[in-house]
PDB file of N, CA and C in Angstrom:
ATOM      1  N   MET A   1       0.726  -1.223   0.032  1.00  0.00           N
ATOM      2  CA  MET A   1      -0.010  -0.064  -0.002  1.00  0.00           C
ATOM      3  C   MET A   1       0.881   1.170  -0.123  1.00  0.00           C
ATOM      4  N   SER A   2       0.338   2.317  -0.487  1.00  0.00           N
ATOM      5  CA  SER A   2       1.116   3.614  -0.628  1.00  0.00           C
ATOM      6  C   SER A   2       0.063   4.630  -0.584  1.00  0.00           C
ATOM      7  N   ALA A   3       0.308   5.895  -0.612  1.00  0.00           N
ATOM      8  CA  ALA A   3      -0.492   7.023  -0.510  1.00  0.00           C
ATOM      9  C   ALA A   3      -1.447   6.919  -1.510  1.00  0.00           C
ATOM     10  N   ALA A   4      -1.073   6.133  -2.694  1.00  0.00           N
ATOM     11  CA  ALA A   4      -1.990   6.175  -4.056  1.00  0.00           C
ATOM     12  C   ALA A   4      -3.024   5.079  -3.746  1.00  0.00           C
ATOM     13  N   GLY A   5      -2.786   4.195  -2.820  1.00  0.00           N
ATOM     14  CA  GLY A   5      -3.849   2.943  -2.459  1.00  0.00           C
ATOM     15  C   GLY A   5      -3.141   1.653  -2.338  1.00  0.00           C
ATOM     16  N   ILE A   6      -3.802   0.685  -2.910  1.00  0.00           N
ATOM     17  CA  ILE A   6      -3.356  -0.554  -2.988  1.00  0.00           C
ATOM     18  C   ILE A   6      -3.429  -1.164  -4.647  1.00  0.00           C
ATOM     19  N   ASP A   7      -2.357  -1.564  -4.886  1.00  0.00           N
ATOM     20  CA  ASP A   7      -2.426  -2.219  -6.322  1.00  0.00           C
ATOM     21  C   ASP A   7      -3.103  -3.668  -6.236  1.00  0.00           C
ATOM     22  N   CYS A   8      -3.346  -4.149  -7.296  1.00  0.00           N
ATOM     23  CA  CYS A   8      -3.976  -5.470  -7.547  1.00  0.00           C
ATOM     24  C   CYS A   8      -3.242  -6.632  -6.782  1.00  0.00           C
ATOM     25  N   SER A   9      -1.960  -6.789  -7.051  1.00  0.00           N
ATOM     26  CA  SER A   9      -1.451  -7.983  -6.042  1.00  0.00           C
ATOM     27  C   SER A   9      -1.213  -7.628  -4.618  1.00  0.00           C
ATOM     28  N   GLY A  10      -1.140  -6.328  -4.374  1.00  0.00           N
ATOM     29  CA  GLY A  10      -1.249  -6.103  -2.852  1.00  0.00           C
ATOM     30  C   GLY A  10      -2.435  -6.264  -2.142  1.00  0.00           C
ATOM     31  N   LEU A  11      -3.689  -6.249  -3.138  1.00  0.00           N
ATOM     32  CA  LEU A  11      -4.745  -6.610  -2.502  1.00  0.00           C
ATOM     33  C   LEU A  11      -5.034  -7.987  -2.089  1.00  0.00           C
ATOM     34  N   VAL A  12      -4.436  -8.812  -3.181  1.00  0.00           N
ATOM     35  CA  VAL A  12      -4.416 -10.465  -3.114  1.00  0.00           C
ATOM     36  C   VAL A  12      -3.691 -10.690  -1.733  1.00  0.00           C
ATOM     37  N   HIS A  13      -2.295 -10.205  -1.780  1.00  0.00           N
ATOM     38  CA  HIS A  13      -1.400 -10.545  -0.778  1.00  0.00           C
ATOM     39  C   HIS A  13      -2.109  -9.982   0.838  1.00  0.00           C
ATOM     40  N   MET A  14      -2.715  -8.812   0.657  1.00  0.00           N
ATOM     41  CA  MET A  14      -3.244  -8.429   2.226  1.00  0.00           C
ATOM     42  C   MET A  14      -4.240  -9.273   2.398  1.00  0.00           C
ATOM     43  N   SER A  15      -5.080  -9.586   1.469  1.00  0.00           N
ATOM     44  CA  SER A  15      -6.287 -10.374   1.788  1.00  0.00           C
ATOM     45  C   SER A  15      -5.795 -11.691   2.290  1.00  0.00           C
ATOM     46  N   TYR A  16      -5.132 -12.432   1.759  1.00  0.00           N
ATOM     47  CA  TYR A  16      -4.837 -13.717   2.315  1.00  0.00           C
ATOM     48  C   TYR A  16      -3.953 -13.528   3.424  1.00  0.00           C
ATOM     49  N   ARG A  17      -3.068 -12.552   3.559  1.00  0.00           N
ATOM     50  CA  ARG A  17      -2.494 -12.284   4.962  1.00  0.00           C
ATOM     51  C   ARG A  17      -3.442 -12.192   6.173  1.00  0.00           C
ATOM     52  N   ALA A  18      -4.620 -11.305   6.046  1.00  0.00           N
ATOM     53  CA  ALA A  18      -5.587 -11.160   6.773  1.00  0.00           C
ATOM     54  C   ALA A  18      -6.244 -12.506   7.416  1.00  0.00           C
ATOM     55  N   ALA A  19      -6.087 -13.519   6.385  1.00  0.00           N
ATOM     56  CA  ALA A  19      -6.959 -14.746   6.645  1.00  0.00           C
ATOM     57  C   ALA A  19      -5.776 -15.664   7.165  1.00  0.00           C
ATOM     58  N   GLY A  20      -4.592 -15.140   7.313  1.00  0.00           N
ATOM     59  CA  GLY A  20      -3.629 -16.158   8.062  1.00  0.00           C
ATOM     60  C   GLY A  20      -2.882 -16.690   7.169  1.00  0.00           C
ATOM     61  N   ARG A  21      -2.867 -16.535   5.970  1.00  0.00           N
ATOM     62  CA  ARG A  21      -1.877 -17.215   4.832  1.00  0.00           C
ATOM     63  C   ARG A  21      -1.118 -16.233   4.169  1.00  0.00           C
ATOM     64  N   LEU A  22       0.225 -16.595   4.169  1.00  0.00           N
ATOM     65  CA  LEU A  22       1.265 -16.002   3.423  1.00  0.00           C
ATOM     66  C   LEU A  22       1.363 -16.222   1.960  1.00  0.00           C
ATOM     67  N   VAL A  23       1.141 -15.319   1.123  1.00  0.00           N
ATOM     68  CA  VAL A  23       1.312 -15.682  -0.377  1.00  0.00           C
ATOM     69  C   VAL A  23       2.250 -14.741  -0.872  1.00  0.00           C
ATOM     70  N   PRO A  24       2.987 -15.007  -2.060  1.00  0.00           N
ATOM     71  CA  PRO A  24       3.728 -14.053  -2.752  1.00  0.00           C
ATOM     72  C   PRO A  24       3.214 -12.659  -3.016  1.00  0.00           C
ATOM     73  N   ARG A  25       4.004 -11.573  -3.059  1.00  0.00           N
ATOM     74  CA  ARG A  25       3.518 -10.282  -3.280  1.00  0.00           C
ATOM     75  C   ARG A  25       3.279  -9.815  -4.838  1.00  0.00           C
ATOM     76  N   ASP A  26       4.080 -10.412  -5.648  1.00  0.00           N
ATOM     77  CA  ASP A  26       3.499  -9.885  -7.205  1.00  0.00           C
ATOM     78  C   ASP A  26       2.675 -10.833  -7.831  1.00  0.00           C
ATOM     79  N   ALA A  27       1.901 -10.261  -8.938  1.00  0.00           N
ATOM     80  CA  ALA A  27       0.985 -11.047  -9.618  1.00  0.00           C
ATOM     81  C   ALA A  27       1.664 -12.321 -10.404  1.00  0.00           C
ATOM     82  N   ASP A  28       2.518 -12.269 -10.764  1.00  0.00           N
ATOM     83  CA  ASP A  28       3.465 -13.231 -11.572  1.00  0.00           C
ATOM     84  C   ASP A  28       3.813 -14.305 -10.627  1.00  0.00           C
ATOM     85  N   GLN A  29       4.309 -13.850  -9.515  1.00  0.00           N
ATOM     86  CA  GLN A  29       4.693 -14.876  -8.444  1.00  0.00           C
ATOM     87  C   GLN A  29       3.531 -15.613  -7.683  1.00  0.00           C
ATOM     88  N   GLN A  30       2.423 -14.879  -7.744  1.00  0.00           N
ATOM     89  CA  GLN A  30       1.093 -15.608  -7.188  1.00  0.00           C
ATOM     90  C   GLN A  30       0.581 -16.496  -8.389  1.00  0.00           C
ATOM     91  N   GLU A  31       0.614 -16.382  -9.503  1.00  0.00           N
ATOM     92  CA  GLU A  31       0.229 -17.165 -10.471  1.00  0.00           C
ATOM     93  C   GLU A  31       1.018 -18.415 -10.311  1.00  0.00           C
ATOM     94  N   ASP A  32       2.360 -18.261 -10.208  1.00  0.00           N
ATOM     95  CA  ASP A  32       3.404 -19.357 -10.310  1.00  0.00           C
ATOM     96  C   ASP A  32       3.154 -20.246  -9.028  1.00  0.00           C
ATOM     97  N   ALA A  33       2.476 -19.758  -7.920  1.00  0.00           N
ATOM     98  CA  ALA A  33       2.351 -20.444  -6.932  1.00  0.00           C
ATOM     99  C   ALA A  33       1.008 -21.088  -6.770  1.00  0.00           C
ATOM    100  N   GLY A  34       0.042 -20.780  -7.778  1.00  0.00           N
ATOM    101  CA  GLY A  34      -1.122 -21.402  -7.702  1.00  0.00           C
ATOM    102  C   GLY A  34      -1.266 -22.695  -8.522  1.00  0.00           C
ATOM    103  N   ILE A  35      -2.472 -23.103  -8.477  1.00  0.00           N
ATOM    104  CA  ILE A  35      -2.897 -24.427  -9.183  1.00  0.00           C
ATOM    105  C   ILE A  35      -3.979 -24.162 -10.142  1.00  0.00           C
ATOM    106  N   PRO A  36      -3.805 -24.243 -11.494  1.00  0.00           N
ATOM    107  CA  PRO A  36      -4.699 -24.051 -12.441  1.00  0.00           C
ATOM    108  C   PRO A  36      -5.969 -24.685 -12.317  1.00  0.00           C
ATOM    109  N   VAL A  37      -7.181 -23.818 -12.521  1.00  0.00           N
ATOM    110  CA  VAL A  37      -8.532 -24.692 -12.727  1.00  0.00           C
ATOM    111  C   VAL A  37      -9.204 -24.144 -14.075  1.00  0.00           C
ATOM    112  N   GLU A  38     -10.056 -24.880 -14.526  1.00  0.00           N
ATOM    113  CA  GLU A  38     -10.902 -24.641 -15.607  1.00  0.00           C
ATOM    114  C   GLU A  38     -11.747 -23.491 -15.135  1.00  0.00           C
ATOM    115  N   GLU A  39     -12.207 -22.715 -16.205  1.00  0.00           N
ATOM    116  CA  GLU A  39     -13.399 -21.457 -15.838  1.00  0.00           C
ATOM    117  C   GLU A  39     -14.430 -22.382 -15.232  1.00  0.00           C
ATOM    118  N   GLY A  40     -14.886 -23.415 -15.821  1.00  0.00           N
ATOM    119  CA  GLY A  40     -16.139 -23.921 -15.286  1.00  0.00           C
ATOM    120  C   GLY A  40     -16.118 -24.687 -13.850  1.00  0.00           C
ATOM    121  N   ALA A  41     -14.837 -25.024 -13.432  1.00  0.00           N
ATOM    122  CA  ALA A  41     -14.471 -25.287 -12.150  1.00  0.00           C
ATOM    123  C   ALA A  41     -14.181 -24.210 -11.126  1.00  0.00           C
ATOM    124  N   ALA A  42     -14.134 -23.029 -11.647  1.00  0.00           N
ATOM    125  CA  ALA A  42     -13.537 -22.013 -10.749  1.00  0.00           C
ATOM    126  C   ALA A  42     -14.751 -21.595  -9.667  1.00  0.00           C
ATOM    127  N   ARG A  43     -14.220 -21.296  -8.501  1.00  0.00           N
ATOM    128  CA  ARG A  43     -15.083 -21.035  -7.384  1.00  0.00           C
ATOM    129  C   ARG A  43     -14.807 -19.554  -6.981  1.00  0.00           C
ATOM    130  N   PRO A  44     -15.862 -18.780  -6.288  1.00  0.00           N
ATOM    131  CA  PRO A  44     -15.656 -17.641  -6.017  1.00  0.00           C
ATOM    132  C   PRO A  44     -14.418 -17.749  -4.901  1.00  0.00           C
ATOM    133  N   GLY A  45     -13.475 -16.510  -5.103  1.00  0.00           N
ATOM    134  CA  GLY A  45     -12.276 -16.426  -4.131  1.00  0.00           C
ATOM    135  C   GLY A  45     -11.095 -17.037  -4.975  1.00  0.00           C
ATOM    136  N   ASP A  46     -11.311 -17.885  -6.245  1.00  0.00           N
ATOM    137  CA  ASP A  46     -10.012 -18.120  -6.933  1.00  0.00           C
ATOM    138  C   ASP A  46      -9.646 -16.878  -7.399  1.00  0.00           C
ATOM    139  N   LEU A  47      -8.509 -17.047  -8.104  1.00  0.00           N
ATOM    140  CA  LEU A  47      -7.700 -15.821  -8.703  1.00  0.00           C
ATOM    141  C   LEU A  47      -7.699 -16.010 -10.190  1.00  0.00           C
ATOM    142  N   VAL A  48      -7.627 -14.813 -10.936  1.00  0.00           N
ATOM    143  CA  VAL A  48      -7.358 -14.749 -12.277  1.00  0.00           C
ATOM    144  C   VAL A  48      -6.355 -13.795 -12.601  1.00  0.00           C
ATOM    145  N   THR A  49      -5.380 -14.192 -13.676  1.00  0.00           N
ATOM    146  CA  THR A  49      -4.322 -13.235 -13.975  1.00  0.00           C
ATOM    147  C   THR A  49      -4.428 -12.741 -15.368  1.00  0.00           C
ATOM    148  N   TYR A  50      -3.779 -11.635 -15.891  1.00  0.00           N
ATOM    149  CA  TYR A  50      -4.016 -11.127 -16.967  1.00  0.00           C
ATOM    150  C   TYR A  50      -2.578 -10.689 -17.444  1.00  0.00           C
ATOM    151  N   GLY A  51      -2.142 -10.735 -18.734  1.00  0.00           N
ATOM    152  CA  GLY A  51      -1.044 -10.083 -19.277  1.00  0.00           C
ATOM    153  C   GLY A  51      -0.670 -10.619 -20.544  1.00  0.00           C
ATOM    154  N   GLU A  52       0.241  -9.867 -21.223  1.00  0.00           N
ATOM    155  CA  GLU A  52       0.855 -10.197 -22.466  1.00  0.00           C
ATOM    156  C   GLU A  52       2.023 -10.818 -22.052  1.00  0.00           C
ATOM    157  N   GLY A  53       2.821 -11.689 -23.100  1.00  0.00           N
ATOM    158  CA  GLY A  53       4.140 -12.064 -22.867  1.00  0.00           C
ATOM    159  C   GLY A  53       4.206 -13.108 -21.738  1.00  0.00           C
ATOM    160  N   GLU A  54       5.534 -12.997 -21.189  1.00  0.00           N
ATOM    161  CA  GLU A  54       5.803 -14.038 -20.317  1.00  0.00           C
ATOM    162  C   GLU A  54       5.369 -13.978 -18.661  1.00  0.00           C
ATOM    163  N   ALA A  55       5.038 -12.798 -18.306  1.00  0.00           N
ATOM    164  CA  ALA A  55       4.621 -12.811 -17.020  1.00  0.00           C
ATOM    165  C   ALA A  55       3.178 -11.898 -16.826  1.00  0.00           C
ATOM    166  N   ALA A  56       2.449 -12.367 -15.813  1.00  0.00           N
ATOM    167  CA  ALA A  56       1.209 -11.532 -15.493  1.00  0.00           C
ATOM    168  C   ALA A  56       1.464 -10.178 -15.050  1.00  0.00           C
ATOM    169  N   ASP A  57       0.597  -9.175 -15.350  1.00  0.00           N
ATOM    170  CA  ASP A  57       0.812  -7.874 -15.107  1.00  0.00           C
ATOM    171  C   ASP A  57      -0.430  -7.324 -14.205  1.00  0.00           C
ATOM    172  N   HIS A  58      -1.223  -8.344 -14.061  1.00  0.00           N
ATOM    173  CA  HIS A  58      -2.537  -7.784 -13.221  1.00  0.00           C
ATOM    174  C   HIS A  58      -3.186  -9.137 -12.472  1.00  0.00           C
ATOM    175  N   ILE A  59      -3.976  -9.017 -11.502  1.00  0.00           N
ATOM    176  CA  ILE A  59      -4.593 -10.028 -10.810  1.00  0.00           C
ATOM    177  C   ILE A  59      -5.749  -9.740 -10.286  1.00  0.00           C
ATOM    178  N   ALA A  60      -6.921 -10.556 -10.280  1.00  0.00           N
ATOM    179  CA  ALA A  60      -8.204 -10.325  -9.592  1.00  0.00           C
ATOM    180  C   ALA A  60      -8.801 -11.527  -8.890  1.00  0.00           C
ATOM    181  N   PHE A  61      -9.646 -11.134  -7.874  1.00  0.00           N
ATOM    182  CA  PHE A  61     -10.337 -12.262  -7.401  1.00  0.00           C
ATOM    183  C   PHE A  61     -11.471 -12.697  -8.226  1.00  0.00           C
ATOM    184  N   TRP A  62     -11.888 -13.913  -8.607  1.00  0.00           N
ATOM    185  CA  TRP A  62     -13.016 -14.348  -9.488  1.00  0.00           C
ATOM    186  C   TRP A  62     -14.025 -14.518  -8.534  1.00  0.00           C
ATOM    187  N   LEU A  63     -15.060 -14.043  -8.872  1.00  0.00           N
ATOM    188  CA  LEU A  63     -16.415 -14.019  -8.083  1.00  0.00           C
ATOM    189  C   LEU A  63     -17.423 -14.818  -8.610  1.00  0.00           C
ATOM    190  N   GLY A  64     -17.217 -15.476  -9.808  1.00  0.00           N
ATOM    191  CA  GLY A  64     -18.082 -16.276 -10.323  1.00  0.00           C
ATOM    192  C   GLY A  64     -19.064 -15.522 -11.288  1.00  0.00           C
ATOM    193  N   GLU A  65     -19.688 -16.140 -12.343  1.00  0.00           N
ATOM    194  CA  GLU A  65     -20.568 -15.600 -13.182  1.00  0.00           C
ATOM    195  C   GLU A  65     -20.061 -14.452 -13.954  1.00  0.00           C
ATOM    196  N   GLY A  66     -18.733 -14.383 -14.252  1.00  0.00           N
ATOM    197  CA  GLY A  66     -18.007 -13.423 -15.058  1.00  0.00           C
ATOM    198  C   GLY A  66     -17.723 -12.153 -14.439  1.00  0.00           C
ATOM    199  N   ARG A  67     -17.690 -12.141 -12.954  1.00  0.00           N
ATOM    200  CA  ARG A  67     -17.451 -10.931 -12.284  1.00  0.00           C
ATOM    201  C   ARG A  67     -16.050 -11.208 -11.440  1.00  0.00           C
ATOM    202  N   ILE A  68     -15.397 -10.020 -11.319  1.00  0.00           N
ATOM    203  CA  ILE A  68     -14.293  -9.990 -10.712  1.00  0.00           C
ATOM    204  C   ILE A  68     -14.276  -8.947  -9.570  1.00  0.00           C
ATOM    205  N   LEU A  69     -13.294  -9.013  -8.616  1.00  0.00           N
ATOM    206  CA  LEU A  69     -13.067  -7.876  -7.636  1.00  0.00           C
ATOM    207  C   LEU A  69     -11.556  -7.762  -7.821  1.00  0.00           C
ATOM    208  N   HIS A  70     -10.973  -6.516  -8.060  1.00  0.00           N
ATOM    209  CA  HIS A  70      -9.541  -6.018  -8.229  1.00  0.00           C
ATOM    210  C   HIS A  70      -9.524  -4.805  -7.840  1.00  0.00           C
ATOM    211  N   SER A  71      -7.960  -4.363  -7.974  1.00  0.00           N
ATOM    212  CA  SER A  71      -7.919  -2.939  -7.744  1.00  0.00           C
ATOM    213  C   SER A  71      -7.247  -2.356  -9.257  1.00  0.00           C
ATOM    214  N   THR A  72      -7.911  -1.234  -9.543  1.00  0.00           N
ATOM    215  CA  THR A  72      -7.623  -0.780 -10.942  1.00  0.00           C
ATOM    216  C   THR A  72      -7.299   0.742 -10.752  1.00  0.00           C
ATOM    217  N   GLN A  73      -6.654   1.176 -11.799  1.00  0.00           N
ATOM    218  CA  GLN A  73      -6.538   2.616 -11.963  1.00  0.00           C
ATOM    219  C   GLN A  73      -7.077   3.006 -13.387  1.00  0.00           C
ATOM    220  N   ARG A  74      -8.005   2.035 -13.830  1.00  0.00           N
ATOM    221  CA  ARG A  74      -8.744   2.320 -15.339  1.00  0.00           C
ATOM    222  C   ARG A  74      -9.483   3.402 -15.243  1.00  0.00           C
ATOM    223  N   ASP A  75      -9.428   4.392 -16.164  1.00  0.00           N
ATOM    224  CA  ASP A  75     -10.642   5.697 -16.209  1.00  0.00           C
ATOM    225  C   ASP A  75     -11.885   5.043 -15.950  1.00  0.00           C
ATOM    226  N   GLY A  76     -12.311   5.920 -15.069  1.00  0.00           N
ATOM    227  CA  GLY A  76     -13.883   5.637 -14.739  1.00  0.00           C
ATOM    228  C   GLY A  76     -14.109   4.766 -13.638  1.00  0.00           C
ATOM    229  N   ALA A  77     -13.078   4.027 -13.238  1.00  0.00           N
ATOM    230  CA  ALA A  77     -13.222   2.842 -12.017  1.00  0.00           C
ATOM    231  C   ALA A  77     -12.186   2.630 -11.279  1.00  0.00           C
ATOM    232  N   GLU A  78     -11.518   3.569 -10.665  1.00  0.00           N
ATOM    233  CA  GLU A  78     -10.460   3.782  -9.999  1.00  0.00           C
ATOM    234  C   GLU A  78     -10.618   3.097  -8.728  1.00  0.00           C
ATOM    235  N   GLY A  79      -9.662   2.444  -8.117  1.00  0.00           N
ATOM    236  CA  GLY A  79      -9.831   1.788  -6.639  1.00  0.00           C
ATOM    237  C   GLY A  79     -10.161   0.400  -6.745  1.00  0.00           C
ATOM    238  N   VAL A  80     -10.403  -0.042  -5.606  1.00  0.00           N
ATOM    239  CA  VAL A  80     -11.077  -1.676  -5.610  1.00  0.00           C
ATOM    240  C   VAL A  80     -12.633  -1.706  -6.066  1.00  0.00           C
ATOM    241  N   VAL A  81     -12.820  -2.441  -7.149  1.00  0.00           N
ATOM    242  CA  VAL A  81     -14.129  -2.463  -7.614  1.00  0.00           C
ATOM    243  C   VAL A  81     -14.481  -3.927  -7.807  1.00  0.00           C
ATOM    244  N   GLU A  82     -15.779  -4.143  -7.685  1.00  0.00           N
ATOM    245  CA  GLU A  82     -16.363  -5.425  -8.113  1.00  0.00           C
ATOM    246  C   GLU A  82     -17.225  -4.992  -9.420  1.00  0.00           C
ATOM    247  N   GLU A  83     -16.836  -5.824 -10.418  1.00  0.00           N
ATOM    248  CA  GLU A  83     -17.656  -5.557 -11.673  1.00  0.00           C
ATOM    249  C   GLU A  83     -17.419  -6.779 -12.613  1.00  0.00           C
ATOM    250  N   ALA A  84     -18.359  -6.713 -13.588  1.00  0.00           N
ATOM    251  CA  ALA A  84     -18.205  -7.582 -14.733  1.00  0.00           C
ATOM    252  C   ALA A  84     -16.858  -7.661 -15.237  1.00  0.00           C
ATOM    253  N   GLU A  85     -16.335  -8.759 -15.696  1.00  0.00           N
ATOM    254  CA  GLU A  85     -14.780  -8.769 -16.143  1.00  0.00           C
ATOM    255  C   GLU A  85     -14.847  -7.915 -17.472  1.00  0.00           C
ATOM    256  N   PRO A  86     -14.038  -6.813 -17.400  1.00  0.00           N
ATOM    257  CA  PRO A  86     -14.035  -5.943 -18.542  1.00  0.00           C
ATOM    258  C   PRO A  86     -13.398  -6.620 -19.914  1.00  0.00           C
ATOM    259  N   ALA A  87     -14.160  -6.445 -21.062  1.00  0.00           N
ATOM    260  CA  ALA A  87     -13.705  -7.015 -22.283  1.00  0.00           C
ATOM    261  C   ALA A  87     -12.124  -6.921 -22.380  1.00  0.00           C
ATOM    262  N   GLU A  88     -11.602  -5.773 -22.145  1.00  0.00           N
ATOM    263  CA  GLU A  88     -10.196  -5.491 -22.306  1.00  0.00           C
ATOM    264  C   GLU A  88      -9.286  -6.364 -21.441  1.00  0.00           C
ATOM    265  N   LEU A  89      -9.784  -6.995 -20.333  1.00  0.00           N
ATOM    266  CA  LEU A  89      -9.016  -7.792 -19.456  1.00  0.00           C
ATOM    267  C   LEU A  89      -9.202  -9.244 -19.970  1.00  0.00           C
ATOM    268  N   ARG A  90     -10.554  -9.458 -20.224  1.00  0.00           N
ATOM    269  CA  ARG A  90     -11.035 -10.903 -20.674  1.00  0.00           C
ATOM    270  C   ARG A  90     -10.061 -11.264 -21.838  1.00  0.00           C
ATOM    271  N   GLY A  91      -9.800 -10.332 -22.682  1.00  0.00           N
ATOM    272  CA  GLY A  91      -8.897 -10.389 -23.887  1.00  0.00           C
ATOM    273  C   GLY A  91      -7.497 -10.748 -23.657  1.00  0.00           C
ATOM    274  N   ARG A  92      -7.022 -10.419 -22.133  1.00  0.00           N
ATOM    275  CA  ARG A  92      -5.708 -10.688 -21.873  1.00  0.00           C
ATOM    276  C   ARG A  92      -5.500 -11.787 -20.717  1.00  0.00           C
ATOM    277  N   ARG A  93      -6.648 -12.568 -20.618  1.00  0.00           N
ATOM    278  CA  ARG A  93      -6.744 -13.433 -19.515  1.00  0.00           C
ATOM    279  C   ARG A  93      -5.709 -14.327 -19.806  1.00  0.00           C
ATOM    280  N   ARG A  94      -4.956 -14.897 -18.411  1.00  0.00           N
ATOM    281  CA  ARG A  94      -3.840 -15.892 -18.806  1.00  0.00           C
ATOM    282  C   ARG A  94      -4.459 -17.261 -18.103  1.00  0.00           C
ATOM    283  N   VAL A  95      -4.733 -17.209 -16.837  1.00  0.00           N
ATOM    284  CA  VAL A  95      -5.155 -18.391 -16.226  1.00  0.00           C
ATOM    285  C   VAL A  95      -6.093 -17.934 -14.949  1.00  0.00           C
ATOM    286  N   ILE A  96      -6.892 -19.090 -14.722  1.00  0.00           N
ATOM    287  CA  ILE A  96      -7.690 -18.956 -13.398  1.00  0.00           C
ATOM    288  C   ILE A  96      -6.985 -20.017 -12.431  1.00  0.00           C
ATOM    289  N   PHE A  97      -6.620 -19.645 -11.299  1.00  0.00           N
ATOM    290  CA  PHE A  97      -6.039 -20.589 -10.513  1.00  0.00           C
ATOM    291  C   PHE A  97      -6.419 -20.537  -9.047  1.00  0.00           C
ATOM    292  N   ARG A  98      -6.064 -21.325  -8.147  1.00  0.00           N
ATOM    293  CA  ARG A  98      -6.392 -21.530  -6.796  1.00  0.00           C
ATOM    294  C   ARG A  98      -5.076 -21.667  -6.071  1.00  0.00           C
ATOM    295  N   LEU A  99      -5.002 -20.742  -5.017  1.00  0.00           N
ATOM    296  CA  LEU A  99      -3.931 -20.778  -4.132  1.00  0.00           C
ATOM    297  C   LEU A  99      -4.273 -21.738  -2.792  1.00  0.00           C
TER     298      LEU A  99
END
């Protein structure tokens, strides 16, 4: 966290920490620590990463029914938001996984 708020991987890290679990700090490391699941088997609380290339650059909590909870700085939706998975992210989806 900083004066600017919390970023996406920090939200995941701090949420797990509050529940008594220590997980990696960055989205790509969180993805590496997880076990992939198919979208049809995904449960609320699983995680979904986004990015192009070799490493994830964004992460969100999967809520089910196409909805996510994440921290974003996207125009018009700044901060921690629950929303339908935006098309721009859906097109960059890497994996849904469970920690």
